[in-house]
Structures are given as C-alpha cells and as structure tokens.
Amino acid sequence: MERKLTVIGCVLWIIGLIVAIVGLNLAGDAKTWVSVIGNIVFLVGLGITGAVWFRKKKTEKETEEKR
C-alpha cells in the first residue's frame, strides 16, 4: 500500500508540474485555469508523497524505540 501511494504521489506531482508549466505558455483564460489545476495537482501529489514519507519515518522510529 505504501509503495502504491508513493507512486501515485510522484506521478501526480510530476504531472501537476508539467501541466502548470504548459499552462504558463497558454493565452487567455485557459492560461489561468490550466495553471491553477496544475498547481493543485502538484500540491496534492507532493502532499501524498510527504505523508507517506512522514508515516514511514514515524513507524521506523517506533520500531527502533521498541528494540
């Protein structure tokens, strides 16, 4: 489960970054909407990756304390 979430998070933040950069090169209202959507997807992916990393570090620390 942890690996799946990490892969999903990484894919989302990479796609979000690409979409945000592409959105900057568009014109008109599409520029704003695509950039905002790209930034949101980027932040969601980054949040998922960070949450998985934090949970992994927490479980490692708890396991180390039990020894």
Protein backbone atom coordinates (compact mmCIF):
# COMPACT_ATOMS: atom_id res chain seq x y z
CA MET A 1 0.00 0.00 0.00
CA GLU A 2 2.80 2.37 0.89
CA ARG A 3 4.54 1.80 -2.42
CA LYS A 4 1.33 2.40 -4.38
CA LEU A 5 0.72 5.69 -2.59
CA THR A 6 4.30 6.77 -3.22
CA VAL A 7 4.00 6.01 -6.94
CA ILE A 8 0.64 7.80 -7.16
CA GLY A 9 2.02 10.83 -5.32
CA CYS A 10 5.12 11.02 -7.51
CA VAL A 11 3.12 10.68 -10.71
CA LEU A 12 0.67 13.36 -9.57
CA TRP A 13 3.31 15.92 -8.69
CA ILE A 14 5.21 15.33 -11.93
CA ILE A 15 2.01 15.65 -13.99
CA GLY A 16 1.00 18.72 -11.99
CA LEU A 17 4.34 20.37 -12.60
CA ILE A 18 4.15 19.67 -16.33
CA VAL A 19 0.56 20.95 -16.56
CA ALA A 20 1.43 24.10 -14.61
CA ILE A 21 4.36 24.85 -16.92
CA VAL A 22 2.26 24.20 -20.02
CA GLY A 23 -0.44 26.45 -18.59
CA LEU A 24 2.02 29.32 -18.33
CA ASN A 25 2.53 29.17 -22.09
CA LEU A 26 -1.15 29.38 -22.99
CA ALA A 27 -3.15 32.55 -23.66
CA GLY A 28 -6.31 33.96 -22.15
CA ASP A 29 -8.46 32.26 -19.54
CA ALA A 30 -7.03 28.85 -20.39
CA LYS A 31 -3.69 30.05 -19.00
CA THR A 32 -5.18 30.74 -15.60
CA TRP A 33 -7.30 27.60 -15.37
CA VAL A 34 -4.62 25.18 -16.55
CA SER A 35 -2.01 26.75 -14.28
CA VAL A 36 -4.31 26.55 -11.25
CA ILE A 37 -5.26 22.95 -11.98
CA GLY A 38 -1.59 22.05 -12.46
CA ASN A 39 -0.64 23.69 -9.18
CA ILE A 40 -3.41 21.90 -7.30
CA VAL A 41 -2.44 18.51 -8.74
CA PHE A 42 1.22 19.25 -7.94
CA LEU A 43 0.43 20.09 -4.32
CA VAL A 44 -1.82 17.04 -3.87
CA GLY A 45 0.92 14.77 -5.20
CA LEU A 46 3.52 16.45 -3.03
CA GLY A 47 1.24 16.11 0.00
CA ILE A 48 0.69 12.40 -0.61
CA THR A 49 4.41 11.81 -1.01
CA GLY A 50 5.16 13.80 2.14
CA ALA A 51 2.51 11.97 4.16
CA VAL A 52 3.88 8.59 3.10
CA TRP A 53 7.41 9.70 3.96
CA PHE A 54 6.31 11.03 7.35
CA ARG A 55 4.39 7.83 8.17
CA LYS A 56 7.38 5.71 7.16
CA LYS A 57 9.75 7.71 9.38
CA LYS A 58 7.29 7.51 12.28
CA THR A 59 6.99 3.73 12.04
CA GLU A 60 10.77 3.37 11.76
CA LYS A 61 11.23 5.48 14.88
CA GLU A 62 8.61 3.46 16.80
CA THR A 63 10.25 0.19 15.74
CA GLU A 64 13.65 1.50 16.79
CA GLU A 65 12.32 2.53 20.22
CA LYS A 66 10.86 -0.95 20.82
CA ARG A 67 14.28 -2.55 20.46
